[in-house]
């Protein structure tokens, strides 16, 4: 696999879907262009939920402003990690640490070892 990555490019239909369904309402064209440039630069696809475009509030001086920014999702981070050719997978485990029991009409959690 080559380390050279082709930047993601969206056709007109994909752009229309992304603009109407993946951006918060009221997003300006400038904010959309910024978000698309970040998605392309990182080779992340909003359609496959690798990157999201979210509302943020930020304070400049005394005033609060709303803006839309890109946010890399879990699948985006995994995509980036896989491209390094050094990602060896994820180990997960699960277990029950507390078990709820109803005692005198109240749920009491007991630790389980």
C-alpha atoms as a PDB file:
ATOM      1  CA  UNK A   1       0.000   0.000   0.000  1.00  0.00           C
ATOM      2  CA  UNK A   2       1.367   3.377  -0.947  1.00  0.00           C
ATOM      3  CA  UNK A   3       1.840   6.094   1.631  1.00  0.00           C
ATOM      4  CA  UNK A   4       0.522   8.560  -0.947  1.00  0.00           C
ATOM      5  CA  UNK A   5      -3.161   9.203  -0.286  1.00  0.00           C
ATOM      6  CA  UNK A   6      -5.599  10.475  -2.842  1.00  0.00           C
ATOM      7  CA  UNK A   7      -7.572  13.357  -1.415  1.00  0.00           C
ATOM      8  CA  UNK A   8     -11.281  12.606  -1.189  1.00  0.00           C
ATOM      9  CA  UNK A   9     -13.290  14.379  -3.841  1.00  0.00           C
ATOM     10  CA  UNK A  10     -17.066  14.470  -3.808  1.00  0.00           C
ATOM     11  CA  UNK A  11     -19.255  14.561  -6.912  1.00  0.00           C
ATOM     12  CA  UNK A  12     -22.149  17.041  -7.221  1.00  0.00           C
ATOM     13  CA  UNK A  13     -24.736  14.579  -5.885  1.00  0.00           C
ATOM     14  CA  UNK A  14     -22.614  13.716  -2.855  1.00  0.00           C
ATOM     15  CA  UNK A  15     -21.952  17.414  -2.199  1.00  0.00           C
ATOM     16  CA  UNK A  16     -25.696  18.136  -2.280  1.00  0.00           C
ATOM     17  CA  UNK A  17     -26.418  15.313   0.189  1.00  0.00           C
ATOM     18  CA  UNK A  18     -23.622  16.389   2.520  1.00  0.00           C
ATOM     19  CA  UNK A  19     -24.655  20.065   2.413  1.00  0.00           C
ATOM     20  CA  UNK A  20     -28.311  19.299   3.202  1.00  0.00           C
ATOM     21  CA  UNK A  21     -27.985  16.374   5.604  1.00  0.00           C
ATOM     22  CA  UNK A  22     -24.619  16.593   7.351  1.00  0.00           C
ATOM     23  CA  UNK A  23     -24.328  20.291   8.174  1.00  0.00           C
ATOM     24  CA  UNK A  24     -26.320  22.080  10.872  1.00  0.00           C
ATOM     25  CA  UNK A  25     -28.965  24.406   9.445  1.00  0.00           C
ATOM     26  CA  UNK A  26     -27.733  27.913   8.819  1.00  0.00           C
ATOM     27  CA  UNK A  27     -24.158  26.861   8.020  1.00  0.00           C
ATOM     28  CA  UNK A  28     -22.541  29.463   5.783  1.00  0.00           C
ATOM     29  CA  UNK A  29     -20.839  28.584   2.494  1.00  0.00           C
ATOM     30  CA  UNK A  30     -17.524  29.727   4.010  1.00  0.00           C
ATOM     31  CA  UNK A  31     -17.958  27.333   6.961  1.00  0.00           C
ATOM     32  CA  UNK A  32     -18.882  24.518   4.569  1.00  0.00           C
ATOM     33  CA  UNK A  33     -15.816  25.218   2.424  1.00  0.00           C
ATOM     34  CA  UNK A  34     -13.597  25.165   5.534  1.00  0.00           C
ATOM     35  CA  UNK A  35     -15.101  21.878   6.751  1.00  0.00           C
ATOM     36  CA  UNK A  36     -14.762  20.292   3.290  1.00  0.00           C
ATOM     37  CA  UNK A  37     -11.123  21.393   3.074  1.00  0.00           C
ATOM     38  CA  UNK A  38     -10.355  19.728   6.428  1.00  0.00           C
ATOM     39  CA  UNK A  39     -12.192  16.549   5.375  1.00  0.00           C
ATOM     40  CA  UNK A  40     -10.276  16.418   2.089  1.00  0.00           C
ATOM     41  CA  UNK A  41      -6.919  17.164   3.727  1.00  0.00           C
ATOM     42  CA  UNK A  42      -7.417  14.346   6.247  1.00  0.00           C
ATOM     43  CA  UNK A  43      -8.993  12.052   3.617  1.00  0.00           C
ATOM     44  CA  UNK A  44     -12.065  11.587   5.803  1.00  0.00           C
ATOM     45  CA  UNK A  45     -15.588  11.066   4.531  1.00  0.00           C
ATOM     46  CA  UNK A  46     -18.626  12.592   6.274  1.00  0.00           C
ATOM     47  CA  UNK A  47     -20.940  10.159   4.493  1.00  0.00           C
ATOM     48  CA  UNK A  48     -19.274   7.215   6.231  1.00  0.00           C
ATOM     49  CA  UNK A  49     -19.236   9.124   9.540  1.00  0.00           C
ATOM     50  CA  UNK A  50     -15.472   9.543   9.732  1.00  0.00           C
ATOM     51  CA  UNK A  51     -15.878  13.292  10.223  1.00  0.00           C
ATOM     52  CA  UNK A  52     -18.785  15.377  11.495  1.00  0.00           C
ATOM     53  CA  UNK A  53     -19.639  19.047  11.150  1.00  0.00           C
ATOM     54  CA  UNK A  54     -20.904  20.423  14.456  1.00  0.00           C
ATOM     55  CA  UNK A  55     -22.085  23.683  15.985  1.00  0.00           C
ATOM     56  CA  UNK A  56     -19.712  25.268  18.475  1.00  0.00           C
ATOM     57  CA  UNK A  57     -20.033  28.338  20.655  1.00  0.00           C
ATOM     58  CA  UNK A  58     -16.902  30.359  21.157  1.00  0.00           C
ATOM     59  CA  UNK A  59     -16.295  33.531  23.087  1.00  0.00           C
ATOM     60  CA  UNK A  60     -14.258  36.345  21.532  1.00  0.00           C
ATOM     61  CA  UNK A  61     -13.828  39.165  24.002  1.00  0.00           C
ATOM     62  CA  UNK A  62     -17.271  39.828  25.516  1.00  0.00           C
ATOM     63  CA  UNK A  63     -19.304  38.205  22.742  1.00  0.00           C
ATOM     64  CA  UNK A  64     -20.307  34.637  22.041  1.00  0.00           C
ATOM     65  CA  UNK A  65     -20.360  33.401  18.455  1.00  0.00           C
ATOM     66  CA  UNK A  66     -21.805  30.276  16.871  1.00  0.00           C
ATOM     67  CA  UNK A  67     -19.704  28.539  14.272  1.00  0.00           C
ATOM     68  CA  UNK A  68     -19.551  25.193  12.525  1.00  0.00           C
ATOM     69  CA  UNK A  69     -16.364  23.155  12.807  1.00  0.00           C
ATOM     70  CA  UNK A  70     -15.214  19.715  11.686  1.00  0.00           C
ATOM     71  CA  UNK A  71     -14.910  17.036  14.358  1.00  0.00           C
ATOM     72  CA  UNK A  72     -13.133  13.759  13.633  1.00  0.00           C
ATOM     73  CA  UNK A  73     -15.161  10.776  14.805  1.00  0.00           C
ATOM     74  CA  UNK A  74     -14.052   7.404  16.113  1.00  0.00           C
ATOM     75  CA  UNK A  75     -14.112   5.862  12.646  1.00  0.00           C
ATOM     76  CA  UNK A  76     -12.024   8.762  11.349  1.00  0.00           C
ATOM     77  CA  UNK A  77      -9.363   8.202  13.983  1.00  0.00           C
ATOM     78  CA  UNK A  78      -9.352   4.482  13.165  1.00  0.00           C
ATOM     79  CA  UNK A  79      -8.999   5.275   9.461  1.00  0.00           C
ATOM     80  CA  UNK A  80      -6.044   7.559  10.157  1.00  0.00           C
ATOM     81  CA  UNK A  81      -4.467   4.962  12.471  1.00  0.00           C
ATOM     82  CA  UNK A  82      -4.794   2.190   9.864  1.00  0.00           C
ATOM     83  CA  UNK A  83      -2.996   4.357   7.291  1.00  0.00           C
ATOM     84  CA  UNK A  84       0.142   4.428   9.434  1.00  0.00           C
ATOM     85  CA  UNK A  85       0.658   0.695   8.875  1.00  0.00           C
ATOM     86  CA  UNK A  86       1.646   0.567  12.555  1.00  0.00           C
ATOM     87  CA  UNK A  87      -1.810   0.082  14.025  1.00  0.00           C
ATOM     88  CA  UNK A  88      -1.986  -3.409  15.511  1.00  0.00           C
ATOM     89  CA  UNK A  89      -5.662  -3.444  16.457  1.00  0.00           C
ATOM     90  CA  UNK A  90      -7.628  -2.858  19.605  1.00  0.00           C
ATOM     91  CA  UNK A  91      -8.048  -5.203  22.535  1.00  0.00           C
ATOM     92  CA  UNK A  92     -11.254  -4.898  24.458  1.00  0.00           C
ATOM     93  CA  UNK A  93     -12.650  -6.687  27.441  1.00  0.00           C
ATOM     94  CA  UNK A  94     -15.799  -6.452  29.446  1.00  0.00           C
ATOM     95  CA  UNK A  95     -16.897  -7.485  32.861  1.00  0.00           C
ATOM     96  CA  UNK A  96     -19.530  -6.840  35.460  1.00  0.00           C
ATOM     97  CA  UNK A  97     -18.207  -4.771  38.351  1.00  0.00           C
ATOM     98  CA  UNK A  98     -21.465  -3.942  40.081  1.00  0.00           C
ATOM     99  CA  UNK A  99     -24.678  -5.915  40.333  1.00  0.00           C
ATOM    100  CA  UNK A 100     -27.867  -4.073  41.320  1.00  0.00           C
ATOM    101  CA  UNK A 101     -30.146  -5.767  43.836  1.00  0.00           C
ATOM    102  CA  UNK A 102     -33.502  -4.526  45.078  1.00  0.00           C
ATOM    103  CA  UNK A 103     -33.407  -4.209  48.860  1.00  0.00           C
ATOM    104  CA  UNK A 104     -36.315  -2.661  50.794  1.00  0.00           C
ATOM    105  CA  UNK A 105     -37.609  -0.947  47.641  1.00  0.00           C
ATOM    106  CA  UNK A 106     -34.202   0.608  46.790  1.00  0.00           C
ATOM    107  CA  UNK A 107     -31.671  -0.466  44.209  1.00  0.00           C
ATOM    108  CA  UNK A 108     -28.357  -1.178  45.915  1.00  0.00           C
ATOM    109  CA  UNK A 109     -25.214  -1.793  43.902  1.00  0.00           C
ATOM    110  CA  UNK A 110     -22.863  -4.483  45.187  1.00  0.00           C
ATOM    111  CA  UNK A 111     -19.352  -4.760  43.854  1.00  0.00           C
ATOM    112  CA  UNK A 112     -18.554  -8.020  42.207  1.00  0.00           C
ATOM    113  CA  UNK A 113     -15.021  -9.379  42.198  1.00  0.00           C
END
